[in-house]
PDB file of N, CA and C in Angstrom:
ATOM      1  N   MET A   1     -12.173  -4.460  -2.656  1.00  0.00           N
ATOM      2  CA  MET A   1     -11.046  -3.548  -2.744  1.00  0.00           C
ATOM      3  C   MET A   1     -10.147  -3.881  -3.925  1.00  0.00           C
ATOM      4  N   TYR A   2      -9.933  -5.151  -4.212  1.00  0.00           N
ATOM      5  CA  TYR A   2      -8.939  -5.490  -5.233  1.00  0.00           C
ATOM      6  C   TYR A   2      -9.530  -6.202  -6.443  1.00  0.00           C
ATOM      7  N   ASP A   3     -10.783  -5.944  -6.752  1.00  0.00           N
ATOM      8  CA  ASP A   3     -11.403  -6.572  -7.920  1.00  0.00           C
ATOM      9  C   ASP A   3     -10.751  -6.156  -9.232  1.00  0.00           C
ATOM     10  N   ASP A   4     -10.312  -4.916  -9.331  1.00  0.00           N
ATOM     11  CA  ASP A   4      -9.693  -4.454 -10.576  1.00  0.00           C
ATOM     12  C   ASP A   4      -8.172  -4.547 -10.538  1.00  0.00           C
ATOM     13  N   TRP A   5      -7.628  -5.308  -9.592  1.00  0.00           N
ATOM     14  CA  TRP A   5      -6.183  -5.445  -9.474  1.00  0.00           C
ATOM     15  C   TRP A   5      -5.674  -6.735 -10.116  1.00  0.00           C
ATOM     16  N   HIS A   6      -6.536  -7.551 -10.684  1.00  0.00           N
ATOM     17  CA  HIS A   6      -6.068  -8.835 -11.223  1.00  0.00           C
ATOM     18  C   HIS A   6      -6.777  -9.155 -12.537  1.00  0.00           C
ATOM     19  N   TRP A   7      -6.206 -10.096 -13.289  1.00  0.00           N
ATOM     20  CA  TRP A   7      -6.764 -10.472 -14.590  1.00  0.00           C
ATOM     21  C   TRP A   7      -6.774 -11.983 -14.796  1.00  0.00           C
ATOM     22  N   ASP A   8      -6.124 -12.737 -13.919  1.00  0.00           N
ATOM     23  CA  ASP A   8      -6.165 -14.202 -13.987  1.00  0.00           C
ATOM     24  C   ASP A   8      -5.974 -14.743 -12.568  1.00  0.00           C
ATOM     25  N   GLU A   9      -5.940 -16.049 -12.412  1.00  0.00           N
ATOM     26  CA  GLU A   9      -5.854 -16.651 -11.073  1.00  0.00           C
ATOM     27  C   GLU A   9      -4.544 -16.301 -10.361  1.00  0.00           C
ATOM     28  N   LYS A  10      -3.441 -16.326 -11.084  1.00  0.00           N
ATOM     29  CA  LYS A  10      -2.153 -16.023 -10.454  1.00  0.00           C
ATOM     30  C   LYS A  10      -2.117 -14.568  -9.974  1.00  0.00           C
ATOM     31  N   SER A  11      -2.583 -13.663 -10.799  1.00  0.00           N
ATOM     32  CA  SER A  11      -2.589 -12.263 -10.387  1.00  0.00           C
ATOM     33  C   SER A  11      -3.622 -12.021  -9.286  1.00  0.00           C
ATOM     34  N   LYS A  12      -4.684 -12.836  -9.266  1.00  0.00           N
ATOM     35  CA  LYS A  12      -5.680 -12.705  -8.200  1.00  0.00           C
ATOM     36  C   LYS A  12      -5.073 -13.096  -6.857  1.00  0.00           C
ATOM     37  N   THR A  13      -4.293 -14.148  -6.831  1.00  0.00           N
ATOM     38  CA  THR A  13      -3.626 -14.572  -5.599  1.00  0.00           C
ATOM     39  C   THR A  13      -2.722 -13.459  -5.081  1.00  0.00           C
ATOM     40  N   PHE A  14      -1.955 -12.862  -5.978  1.00  0.00           N
ATOM     41  CA  PHE A  14      -1.085 -11.747  -5.593  1.00  0.00           C
ATOM     42  C   PHE A  14      -1.915 -10.582  -5.064  1.00  0.00           C
ATOM     43  N   ALA A  15      -2.985 -10.242  -5.755  1.00  0.00           N
ATOM     44  CA  ALA A  15      -3.826  -9.108  -5.358  1.00  0.00           C
ATOM     45  C   ALA A  15      -4.454  -9.331  -3.988  1.00  0.00           C
ATOM     46  N   VAL A  16      -4.900 -10.542  -3.723  1.00  0.00           N
ATOM     47  CA  VAL A  16      -5.506 -10.846  -2.422  1.00  0.00           C
ATOM     48  C   VAL A  16      -4.458 -10.726  -1.314  1.00  0.00           C
ATOM     49  N   GLU A  17      -3.272 -11.276  -1.542  1.00  0.00           N
ATOM     50  CA  GLU A  17      -2.214 -11.182  -0.530  1.00  0.00           C
ATOM     51  C   GLU A  17      -1.801  -9.729  -0.303  1.00  0.00           C
ATOM     52  N   LEU A  18      -1.693  -8.974  -1.368  1.00  0.00           N
ATOM     53  CA  LEU A  18      -1.364  -7.556  -1.241  1.00  0.00           C
ATOM     54  C   LEU A  18      -2.478  -6.828  -0.501  1.00  0.00           C
ATOM     55  N   GLY A  19      -3.721  -7.140  -0.827  1.00  0.00           N
ATOM     56  CA  GLY A  19      -4.854  -6.530  -0.151  1.00  0.00           C
ATOM     57  C   GLY A  19      -4.849  -6.812   1.347  1.00  0.00           C
ATOM     58  N   GLU A  20      -4.548  -8.040   1.722  1.00  0.00           N
ATOM     59  CA  GLU A  20      -4.456  -8.391   3.141  1.00  0.00           C
ATOM     60  C   GLU A  20      -3.359  -7.582   3.824  1.00  0.00           C
ATOM     61  N   PHE A  21      -2.230  -7.466   3.158  1.00  0.00           N
ATOM     62  CA  PHE A  21      -1.119  -6.671   3.690  1.00  0.00           C
ATOM     63  C   PHE A  21      -1.548  -5.217   3.878  1.00  0.00           C
ATOM     64  N   LEU A  22      -2.201  -4.650   2.887  1.00  0.00           N
ATOM     65  CA  LEU A  22      -2.592  -3.240   2.960  1.00  0.00           C
ATOM     66  C   LEU A  22      -3.695  -3.010   3.994  1.00  0.00           C
ATOM     67  N   LEU A  23      -4.591  -3.973   4.179  1.00  0.00           N
ATOM     68  CA  LEU A  23      -5.592  -3.860   5.242  1.00  0.00           C
ATOM     69  C   LEU A  23      -4.918  -3.891   6.611  1.00  0.00           C
ATOM     70  N   ALA A  24      -3.930  -4.754   6.770  1.00  0.00           N
ATOM     71  CA  ALA A  24      -3.165  -4.790   8.026  1.00  0.00           C
ATOM     72  C   ALA A  24      -2.440  -3.464   8.240  1.00  0.00           C
ATOM     73  N   PHE A  25      -1.928  -2.893   7.164  1.00  0.00           N
ATOM     74  CA  PHE A  25      -1.274  -1.583   7.246  1.00  0.00           C
ATOM     75  C   PHE A  25      -2.265  -0.523   7.719  1.00  0.00           C
ATOM     76  N   CYS A  26      -3.485  -0.563   7.213  1.00  0.00           N
ATOM     77  CA  CYS A  26      -4.514   0.398   7.659  1.00  0.00           C
ATOM     78  C   CYS A  26      -4.803   0.223   9.148  1.00  0.00           C
ATOM     79  N   ASP A  27      -4.824  -1.020   9.628  1.00  0.00           N
ATOM     80  CA  ASP A  27      -4.998  -1.264  11.061  1.00  0.00           C
ATOM     81  C   ASP A  27      -3.845  -0.643  11.848  1.00  0.00           C
ATOM     82  N   TYR A  28      -2.645  -0.789  11.322  1.00  0.00           N
ATOM     83  CA  TYR A  28      -1.456  -0.192  11.950  1.00  0.00           C
ATOM     84  C   TYR A  28      -1.596   1.323  12.026  1.00  0.00           C
ATOM     85  N   LEU A  29      -2.064   1.934  10.956  1.00  0.00           N
ATOM     86  CA  LEU A  29      -2.235   3.387  10.950  1.00  0.00           C
ATOM     87  C   LEU A  29      -3.222   3.829  12.030  1.00  0.00           C
ATOM     88  N   GLU A  30      -4.285   3.075  12.189  1.00  0.00           N
ATOM     89  CA  GLU A  30      -5.250   3.400  13.245  1.00  0.00           C
ATOM     90  C   GLU A  30      -4.617   3.252  14.626  1.00  0.00           C
ATOM     91  N   ALA A  31      -3.766   2.276  14.781  1.00  0.00           N
ATOM     92  CA  ALA A  31      -3.145   2.008  16.080  1.00  0.00           C
ATOM     93  C   ALA A  31      -2.142   3.089  16.487  1.00  0.00           C
ATOM     94  N   ILE A  32      -1.568   3.778  15.514  1.00  0.00           N
ATOM     95  CA  ILE A  32      -0.584   4.809  15.864  1.00  0.00           C
ATOM     96  C   ILE A  32      -1.239   6.176  16.040  1.00  0.00           C
ATOM     97  N   ASN A  33      -2.562   6.187  16.064  1.00  0.00           N
ATOM     98  CA  ASN A  33      -3.342   7.383  16.413  1.00  0.00           C
ATOM     99  C   ASN A  33      -3.052   8.604  15.538  1.00  0.00           C
ATOM    100  N   LEU A  34      -3.170   8.425  14.259  1.00  0.00           N
ATOM    101  CA  LEU A  34      -3.064   9.555  13.343  1.00  0.00           C
ATOM    102  C   LEU A  34      -4.342  10.378  13.396  1.00  0.00           C
ATOM    103  N   SER A  35      -4.245  11.598  12.950  1.00  0.00           N
ATOM    104  CA  SER A  35      -5.447  12.420  12.866  1.00  0.00           C
ATOM    105  C   SER A  35      -6.392  11.812  11.829  1.00  0.00           C
ATOM    106  N   THR A  36      -7.660  12.151  11.945  1.00  0.00           N
ATOM    107  CA  THR A  36      -8.667  11.644  11.004  1.00  0.00           C
ATOM    108  C   THR A  36      -8.304  12.025   9.577  1.00  0.00           C
ATOM    109  N   ARG A  37      -7.854  13.232   9.397  1.00  0.00           N
ATOM    110  CA  ARG A  37      -7.488  13.712   8.049  1.00  0.00           C
ATOM    111  C   ARG A  37      -6.313  12.915   7.478  1.00  0.00           C
ATOM    112  N   ASN A  38      -5.264  12.717   8.288  1.00  0.00           N
ATOM    113  CA  ASN A  38      -4.109  11.948   7.812  1.00  0.00           C
ATOM    114  C   ASN A  38      -4.483  10.499   7.539  1.00  0.00           C
ATOM    115  N   LEU A  39      -5.293   9.939   8.393  1.00  0.00           N
ATOM    116  CA  LEU A  39      -5.732   8.561   8.191  1.00  0.00           C
ATOM    117  C   LEU A  39      -6.502   8.428   6.884  1.00  0.00           C
ATOM    118  N   ARG A  40      -7.380   9.373   6.604  1.00  0.00           N
ATOM    119  CA  ARG A  40      -8.157   9.355   5.353  1.00  0.00           C
ATOM    120  C   ARG A  40      -7.223   9.478   4.138  1.00  0.00           C
ATOM    121  N   ASN A  41      -6.245  10.381   4.212  1.00  0.00           N
ATOM    122  CA  ASN A  41      -5.289  10.537   3.105  1.00  0.00           C
ATOM    123  C   ASN A  41      -4.528   9.247   2.849  1.00  0.00           C
ATOM    124  N   HIS A  42      -4.055   8.611   3.923  1.00  0.00           N
ATOM    125  CA  HIS A  42      -3.305   7.365   3.765  1.00  0.00           C
ATOM    126  C   HIS A  42      -4.189   6.256   3.195  1.00  0.00           C
ATOM    127  N   ARG A  43      -5.418   6.173   3.654  1.00  0.00           N
ATOM    128  CA  ARG A  43      -6.322   5.134   3.130  1.00  0.00           C
ATOM    129  C   ARG A  43      -6.603   5.345   1.644  1.00  0.00           C
ATOM    130  N   ASP A  44      -6.781   6.578   1.239  1.00  0.00           N
ATOM    131  CA  ASP A  44      -6.965   6.862  -0.191  1.00  0.00           C
ATOM    132  C   ASP A  44      -5.737   6.410  -0.978  1.00  0.00           C
ATOM    133  N   ASN A  45      -4.560   6.700  -0.439  1.00  0.00           N
ATOM    134  CA  ASN A  45      -3.325   6.314  -1.120  1.00  0.00           C
ATOM    135  C   ASN A  45      -3.116   4.811  -1.132  1.00  0.00           C
ATOM    136  N   VAL A  46      -3.590   4.117  -0.110  1.00  0.00           N
ATOM    137  CA  VAL A  46      -3.460   2.660  -0.053  1.00  0.00           C
ATOM    138  C   VAL A  46      -4.158   2.017  -1.253  1.00  0.00           C
ATOM    139  N   GLN A  47      -5.326   2.504  -1.590  1.00  0.00           N
ATOM    140  CA  GLN A  47      -6.047   1.990  -2.769  1.00  0.00           C
ATOM    141  C   GLN A  47      -5.199   2.170  -4.030  1.00  0.00           C
ATOM    142  N   ILE A  48      -4.625   3.339  -4.175  1.00  0.00           N
ATOM    143  CA  ILE A  48      -3.808   3.654  -5.345  1.00  0.00           C
ATOM    144  C   ILE A  48      -2.546   2.800  -5.361  1.00  0.00           C
ATOM    145  N   ILE A  49      -1.904   2.675  -4.217  1.00  0.00           N
ATOM    146  CA  ILE A  49      -0.679   1.872  -4.123  1.00  0.00           C
ATOM    147  C   ILE A  49      -0.967   0.422  -4.488  1.00  0.00           C
ATOM    148  N   GLY A  50      -2.069  -0.111  -4.009  1.00  0.00           N
ATOM    149  CA  GLY A  50      -2.428  -1.488  -4.355  1.00  0.00           C
ATOM    150  C   GLY A  50      -2.620  -1.653  -5.846  1.00  0.00           C
ATOM    151  N   MET A  51      -3.366  -0.735  -6.440  1.00  0.00           N
ATOM    152  CA  MET A  51      -3.616  -0.808  -7.877  1.00  0.00           C
ATOM    153  C   MET A  51      -2.309  -0.686  -8.671  1.00  0.00           C
ATOM    154  N   PHE A  52      -1.481   0.285  -8.312  1.00  0.00           N
ATOM    155  CA  PHE A  52      -0.228   0.475  -9.036  1.00  0.00           C
ATOM    156  C   PHE A  52       0.712  -0.712  -8.857  1.00  0.00           C
ATOM    157  N   THR A  53       0.784  -1.259  -7.659  1.00  0.00           N
ATOM    158  CA  THR A  53       1.668  -2.396  -7.411  1.00  0.00           C
ATOM    159  C   THR A  53       1.237  -3.599  -8.246  1.00  0.00           C
ATOM    160  N   CYS A  54      -0.058  -3.819  -8.328  1.00  0.00           N
ATOM    161  CA  CYS A  54      -0.560  -4.950  -9.122  1.00  0.00           C
ATOM    162  C   CYS A  54      -0.394  -4.707 -10.621  1.00  0.00           C
ATOM    163  N   ASN A  55      -0.672  -3.502 -11.063  1.00  0.00           N
ATOM    164  CA  ASN A  55      -0.680  -3.235 -12.501  1.00  0.00           C
ATOM    165  C   ASN A  55       0.668  -2.835 -13.091  1.00  0.00           C
ATOM    166  N   TYR A  56       1.562  -2.292 -12.275  1.00  0.00           N
ATOM    167  CA  TYR A  56       2.834  -1.800 -12.814  1.00  0.00           C
ATOM    168  C   TYR A  56       4.053  -2.415 -12.146  1.00  0.00           C
ATOM    169  N   GLY A  57       3.852  -3.259 -11.149  1.00  0.00           N
ATOM    170  CA  GLY A  57       4.972  -3.775 -10.373  1.00  0.00           C
ATOM    171  C   GLY A  57       5.681  -4.974 -10.952  1.00  0.00           C
ATOM    172  N   TYR A  58       5.043  -5.696 -11.848  1.00  0.00           N
ATOM    173  CA  TYR A  58       5.630  -6.898 -12.455  1.00  0.00           C
ATOM    174  C   TYR A  58       6.057  -7.919 -11.403  1.00  0.00           C
ATOM    175  N   TYR A  59       5.243  -8.059 -10.368  1.00  0.00           N
ATOM    176  CA  TYR A  59       5.533  -9.036  -9.324  1.00  0.00           C
ATOM    177  C   TYR A  59       4.732 -10.295  -9.576  1.00  0.00           C
ATOM    178  N   ASP A  60       5.360 -11.451  -9.344  1.00  0.00           N
ATOM    179  CA  ASP A  60       4.673 -12.729  -9.481  1.00  0.00           C
ATOM    180  C   ASP A  60       4.153 -13.235  -8.142  1.00  0.00           C
ATOM    181  N   GLU A  61       4.877 -12.912  -7.081  1.00  0.00           N
ATOM    182  CA  GLU A  61       4.507 -13.356  -5.745  1.00  0.00           C
ATOM    183  C   GLU A  61       4.616 -12.196  -4.779  1.00  0.00           C
ATOM    184  N   PHE A  62       3.747 -12.199  -3.776  1.00  0.00           N
ATOM    185  CA  PHE A  62       3.788 -11.137  -2.791  1.00  0.00           C
ATOM    186  C   PHE A  62       4.916 -11.379  -1.798  1.00  0.00           C
ATOM    187  N   ASP A  63       5.640 -10.325  -1.503  1.00  0.00           N
ATOM    188  CA  ASP A  63       6.676 -10.335  -0.477  1.00  0.00           C
ATOM    189  C   ASP A  63       6.728  -8.927   0.098  1.00  0.00           C
ATOM    190  N   SER A  64       6.532  -8.803   1.390  1.00  0.00           N
ATOM    191  CA  SER A  64       6.494  -7.478   2.008  1.00  0.00           C
ATOM    192  C   SER A  64       7.813  -6.726   1.858  1.00  0.00           C
ATOM    193  N   ASP A  65       8.890  -7.423   1.547  1.00  0.00           N
ATOM    194  CA  ASP A  65      10.182  -6.759   1.343  1.00  0.00           C
ATOM    195  C   ASP A  65      10.118  -5.723   0.217  1.00  0.00           C
ATOM    196  N   MET A  66       9.181  -5.888  -0.702  1.00  0.00           N
ATOM    197  CA  MET A  66       9.069  -4.925  -1.804  1.00  0.00           C
ATOM    198  C   MET A  66       8.684  -3.543  -1.289  1.00  0.00           C
ATOM    199  N   PHE A  67       8.187  -3.483  -0.058  1.00  0.00           N
ATOM    200  CA  PHE A  67       7.785  -2.212   0.532  1.00  0.00           C
ATOM    201  C   PHE A  67       8.789  -1.677   1.539  1.00  0.00           C
ATOM    202  N   GLU A  68       9.774  -2.470   1.878  1.00  0.00           N
ATOM    203  CA  GLU A  68      10.691  -2.086   2.946  1.00  0.00           C
ATOM    204  C   GLU A  68      11.485  -0.822   2.631  1.00  0.00           C
ATOM    205  N   SER A  69      11.946  -0.693   1.413  1.00  0.00           N
ATOM    206  CA  SER A  69      12.758   0.469   1.064  1.00  0.00           C
ATOM    207  C   SER A  69      11.918   1.658   0.622  1.00  0.00           C
ATOM    208  N   GLY A  70      10.718   1.401   0.146  1.00  0.00           N
ATOM    209  CA  GLY A  70       9.872   2.477  -0.345  1.00  0.00           C
ATOM    210  C   GLY A  70      10.326   3.018  -1.691  1.00  0.00           C
ATOM    211  N   GLU A  71      11.249   2.335  -2.322  1.00  0.00           N
ATOM    212  CA  GLU A  71      11.819   2.824  -3.578  1.00  0.00           C
ATOM    213  C   GLU A  71      10.851   2.716  -4.759  1.00  0.00           C
ATOM    214  N   ALA A  72      10.201   1.575  -4.894  1.00  0.00           N
ATOM    215  CA  ALA A  72       9.322   1.356  -6.052  1.00  0.00           C
ATOM    216  C   ALA A  72       7.954   1.944  -5.760  1.00  0.00           C
ATOM    217  N   ASN A  73       7.884   3.248  -5.680  1.00  0.00           N
ATOM    218  CA  ASN A  73       6.641   3.853  -5.227  1.00  0.00           C
ATOM    219  C   ASN A  73       5.751   4.382  -6.348  1.00  0.00           C
ATOM    220  N   PHE A  74       6.103   4.149  -7.579  1.00  0.00           N
ATOM    221  CA  PHE A  74       5.238   4.462  -8.718  1.00  0.00           C
ATOM    222  C   PHE A  74       4.836   5.937  -8.789  1.00  0.00           C
ATOM    223  N   GLU A  75       5.771   6.820  -8.437  1.00  0.00           N
ATOM    224  CA  GLU A  75       5.470   8.256  -8.490  1.00  0.00           C
ATOM    225  C   GLU A  75       5.115   8.718  -9.898  1.00  0.00           C
ATOM    226  N   TYR A  76       5.791   8.168 -10.872  1.00  0.00           N
ATOM    227  CA  TYR A  76       5.509   8.551 -12.260  1.00  0.00           C
ATOM    228  C   TYR A  76       4.044   8.287 -12.586  1.00  0.00           C
ATOM    229  N   GLU A  77       3.570   7.089 -12.230  1.00  0.00           N
ATOM    230  CA  GLU A  77       2.184   6.724 -12.492  1.00  0.00           C
ATOM    231  C   GLU A  77       1.223   7.603 -11.697  1.00  0.00           C
ATOM    232  N   PHE A  78       1.603   7.921 -10.460  1.00  0.00           N
ATOM    233  CA  PHE A  78       0.760   8.774  -9.631  1.00  0.00           C
ATOM    234  C   PHE A  78       0.594  10.144 -10.291  1.00  0.00           C
ATOM    235  N   LYS A  79       1.701  10.729 -10.715  1.00  0.00           N
ATOM    236  CA  LYS A  79       1.650  12.055 -11.356  1.00  0.00           C
ATOM    237  C   LYS A  79       0.860  12.008 -12.656  1.00  0.00           C
ATOM    238  N   ARG A  80       1.032  10.943 -13.410  1.00  0.00           N
ATOM    239  CA  ARG A  80       0.391  10.837 -14.709  1.00  0.00           C
ATOM    240  C   ARG A  80      -1.090  10.480 -14.619  1.00  0.00           C
ATOM    241  N   LYS A  81      -1.444   9.580 -13.713  1.00  0.00           N
ATOM    242  CA  LYS A  81      -2.808   9.057 -13.687  1.00  0.00           C
ATOM    243  C   LYS A  81      -3.688   9.647 -12.586  1.00  0.00           C
ATOM    244  N   ILE A  82      -3.083  10.190 -11.543  1.00  0.00           N
ATOM    245  CA  ILE A  82      -3.878  10.713 -10.424  1.00  0.00           C
ATOM    246  C   ILE A  82      -3.792  12.242 -10.399  1.00  0.00           C
ATOM    247  N   THR A  83      -2.638  12.774 -10.038  1.00  0.00           N
ATOM    248  CA  THR A  83      -2.443  14.224  -9.994  1.00  0.00           C
ATOM    249  C   THR A  83      -0.960  14.535  -9.835  1.00  0.00           C
ATOM    250  N   ASP A  84      -0.590  15.719 -10.274  1.00  0.00           N
ATOM    251  CA  ASP A  84       0.787  16.157 -10.048  1.00  0.00           C
ATOM    252  C   ASP A  84       0.828  17.272  -8.996  1.00  0.00           C
ATOM    253  N   SER A  85      -0.237  17.384  -8.225  1.00  0.00           N
ATOM    254  CA  SER A  85      -0.313  18.359  -7.142  1.00  0.00           C
ATOM    255  C   SER A  85       0.795  18.085  -6.125  1.00  0.00           C
ATOM    256  N   PRO A  86       1.573  19.107  -5.772  1.00  0.00           N
ATOM    257  CA  PRO A  86       2.644  18.910  -4.788  1.00  0.00           C
ATOM    258  C   PRO A  86       2.125  18.374  -3.441  1.00  0.00           C
ATOM    259  N   THR A  87       0.971  18.841  -3.017  1.00  0.00           N
ATOM    260  CA  THR A  87       0.412  18.381  -1.742  1.00  0.00           C
ATOM    261  C   THR A  87       0.027  16.907  -1.816  1.00  0.00           C
ATOM    262  N   ALA A  88      -0.660  16.529  -2.876  1.00  0.00           N
ATOM    263  CA  ALA A  88      -1.067  15.130  -3.035  1.00  0.00           C
ATOM    264  C   ALA A  88       0.152  14.224  -3.159  1.00  0.00           C
ATOM    265  N   LEU A  89       1.159  14.679  -3.883  1.00  0.00           N
ATOM    266  CA  LEU A  89       2.381  13.890  -4.042  1.00  0.00           C
ATOM    267  C   LEU A  89       3.108  13.743  -2.707  1.00  0.00           C
ATOM    268  N   SER A  90       3.133  14.792  -1.923  1.00  0.00           N
ATOM    269  CA  SER A  90       3.749  14.734  -0.597  1.00  0.00           C
ATOM    270  C   SER A  90       3.013  13.738   0.297  1.00  0.00           C
ATOM    271  N   ASN A  91       1.695  13.750   0.245  1.00  0.00           N
ATOM    272  CA  ASN A  91       0.901  12.790   1.018  1.00  0.00           C
ATOM    273  C   ASN A  91       1.164  11.361   0.556  1.00  0.00           C
ATOM    274  N   TYR A  92       1.272  11.180  -0.751  1.00  0.00           N
ATOM    275  CA  TYR A  92       1.547   9.857  -1.324  1.00  0.00           C
ATOM    276  C   TYR A  92       2.909   9.344  -0.850  1.00  0.00           C
ATOM    277  N   ARG A  93       3.906  10.197  -0.882  1.00  0.00           N
ATOM    278  CA  ARG A  93       5.242   9.815  -0.396  1.00  0.00           C
ATOM    279  C   ARG A  93       5.200   9.470   1.093  1.00  0.00           C
ATOM    280  N   SER A  94       4.420  10.229   1.842  1.00  0.00           N
ATOM    281  CA  SER A  94       4.285   9.972   3.267  1.00  0.00           C
ATOM    282  C   SER A  94       3.683   8.589   3.521  1.00  0.00           C
ATOM    283  N   THR A  95       2.699   8.203   2.723  1.00  0.00           N
ATOM    284  CA  THR A  95       2.109   6.876   2.864  1.00  0.00           C
ATOM    285  C   THR A  95       3.156   5.809   2.629  1.00  0.00           C
ATOM    286  N   TRP A  96       3.990   5.991   1.615  1.00  0.00           N
ATOM    287  CA  TRP A  96       5.056   5.021   1.351  1.00  0.00           C
ATOM    288  C   TRP A  96       6.036   4.941   2.521  1.00  0.00           C
ATOM    289  N   LYS A  97       6.340   6.068   3.140  1.00  0.00           N
ATOM    290  CA  LYS A  97       7.242   6.052   4.304  1.00  0.00           C
ATOM    291  C   LYS A  97       6.608   5.281   5.459  1.00  0.00           C
ATOM    292  N   HIS A  98       5.316   5.484   5.650  1.00  0.00           N
ATOM    293  CA  HIS A  98       4.618   4.754   6.707  1.00  0.00           C
ATOM    294  C   HIS A  98       4.582   3.255   6.416  1.00  0.00           C
ATOM    295  N   ILE A  99       4.403   2.886   5.160  1.00  0.00           N
ATOM    296  CA  ILE A  99       4.427   1.456   4.808  1.00  0.00           C
ATOM    297  C   ILE A  99       5.791   0.864   5.119  1.00  0.00           C
ATOM    298  N   SER A 100       6.839   1.585   4.786  1.00  0.00           N
ATOM    299  CA  SER A 100       8.202   1.111   5.066  1.00  0.00           C
ATOM    300  C   SER A 100       8.399   0.928   6.574  1.00  0.00           C
ATOM    301  N   ARG A 101       7.921   1.883   7.360  1.00  0.00           N
ATOM    302  CA  ARG A 101       8.021   1.772   8.825  1.00  0.00           C
ATOM    303  C   ARG A 101       7.208   0.588   9.337  1.00  0.00           C
ATOM    304  N   PHE A 102       6.045   0.382   8.739  1.00  0.00           N
ATOM    305  CA  PHE A 102       5.186  -0.733   9.138  1.00  0.00           C
ATOM    306  C   PHE A 102       5.898  -2.066   8.933  1.00  0.00           C
ATOM    307  N   VAL A 103       6.506  -2.245   7.788  1.00  0.00           N
ATOM    308  CA  VAL A 103       7.200  -3.501   7.481  1.00  0.00           C
ATOM    309  C   VAL A 103       8.363  -3.725   8.447  1.00  0.00           C
ATOM    310  N   LYS A 104       8.996  -2.651   8.872  1.00  0.00           N
ATOM    311  CA  LYS A 104      10.143  -2.756   9.773  1.00  0.00           C
ATOM    312  C   LYS A 104       9.743  -2.802  11.246  1.00  0.00           C
ATOM    313  N   SER A 105       8.470  -2.582  11.550  1.00  0.00           N
ATOM    314  CA  SER A 105       8.039  -2.503  12.947  1.00  0.00           C
ATOM    315  C   SER A 105       8.073  -3.875  13.614  1.00  0.00           C
ATOM    316  N   GLU A 106       8.217  -3.837  14.918  1.00  0.00           N
ATOM    317  CA  GLU A 106       8.269  -5.072  15.702  1.00  0.00           C
ATOM    318  C   GLU A 106       6.935  -5.810  15.691  1.00  0.00           C
ATOM    319  N   ASN A 107       5.835  -5.076  15.574  1.00  0.00           N
ATOM    320  CA  ASN A 107       4.503  -5.672  15.635  1.00  0.00           C
ATOM    321  C   ASN A 107       3.927  -6.011  14.265  1.00  0.00           C
ATOM    322  N   TYR A 108       4.724  -5.937  13.259  1.00  0.00           N
ATOM    323  CA  TYR A 108       4.274  -6.175  11.885  1.00  0.00           C
ATOM    324  C   TYR A 108       3.487  -7.481  11.751  1.00  0.00           C
ATOM    325  N   GLU A 109       4.033  -8.564  12.245  1.00  0.00           N
ATOM    326  CA  GLU A 109       3.398  -9.878  12.111  1.00  0.00           C
ATOM    327  C   GLU A 109       2.058  -9.944  12.843  1.00  0.00           C
ATOM    328  N   LEU A 110       1.947  -9.240  13.964  1.00  0.00           N
ATOM    329  CA  LEU A 110       0.685  -9.242  14.720  1.00  0.00           C
ATOM    330  C   LEU A 110      -0.457  -8.650  13.916  1.00  0.00           C
ATOM    331  N   PHE A 111      -0.177  -7.601  13.175  1.00  0.00           N
ATOM    332  CA  PHE A 111      -1.211  -6.968  12.353  1.00  0.00           C
ATOM    333  C   PHE A 111      -1.640  -7.895  11.225  1.00  0.00           C
ATOM    334  N   LEU A 112      -0.691  -8.638  10.671  1.00  0.00           N
ATOM    335  CA  LEU A 112      -1.002  -9.541   9.559  1.00  0.00           C
ATOM    336  C   LEU A 112      -1.825 -10.749   9.989  1.00  0.00           C
ATOM    337  N   GLU A 113      -1.673 -11.173  11.226  1.00  0.00           N
ATOM    338  CA  GLU A 113      -2.369 -12.372  11.713  1.00  0.00           C
ATOM    339  C   GLU A 113      -3.889 -12.274  11.519  1.00  0.00           C
ATOM    340  N   LYS A 114      -4.419 -11.096  11.654  1.00  0.00           N
ATOM    341  CA  LYS A 114      -5.870 -10.895  11.526  1.00  0.00           C
ATOM    342  C   LYS A 114      -6.382 -11.279  10.139  1.00  0.00           C
ATOM    343  N   TYR A 115      -5.548 -11.169   9.132  1.00  0.00           N
ATOM    344  CA  TYR A 115      -5.971 -11.389   7.751  1.00  0.00           C
ATOM    345  C   TYR A 115      -5.522 -12.729   7.182  1.00  0.00           C
ATOM    346  N   LYS A 116      -4.860 -13.525   7.949  1.00  0.00           N
ATOM    347  CA  LYS A 116      -4.393 -14.821   7.458  1.00  0.00           C
ATOM    348  C   LYS A 116      -5.417 -15.903   7.704  1.00  0.00           C
TER     349      LYS A 116
END
């Protein structure tokens, strides 16, 4: 999943930690019983979010707080590199909202335990 998200050992560590977080997020999405279509849309966006966070986020260390507000959502990059379709952008924003809810959820740590 995150082979193209890193370029050296330090960035690889960040990419792996981010990947674990995003896999736990996908588990969370399955647990909240989304429709198959919504789940597929979110999973597609998770790949993009991981890539954008690694390549455009300028982060040295992973911290889930970077997702809590949903502010740094790389919409510019999404529009420029993926699509500027209003529907796709709406789905992308929705994924960011779900990530923010995931980080704030009471069971957040339980989902992460599987990947540690």
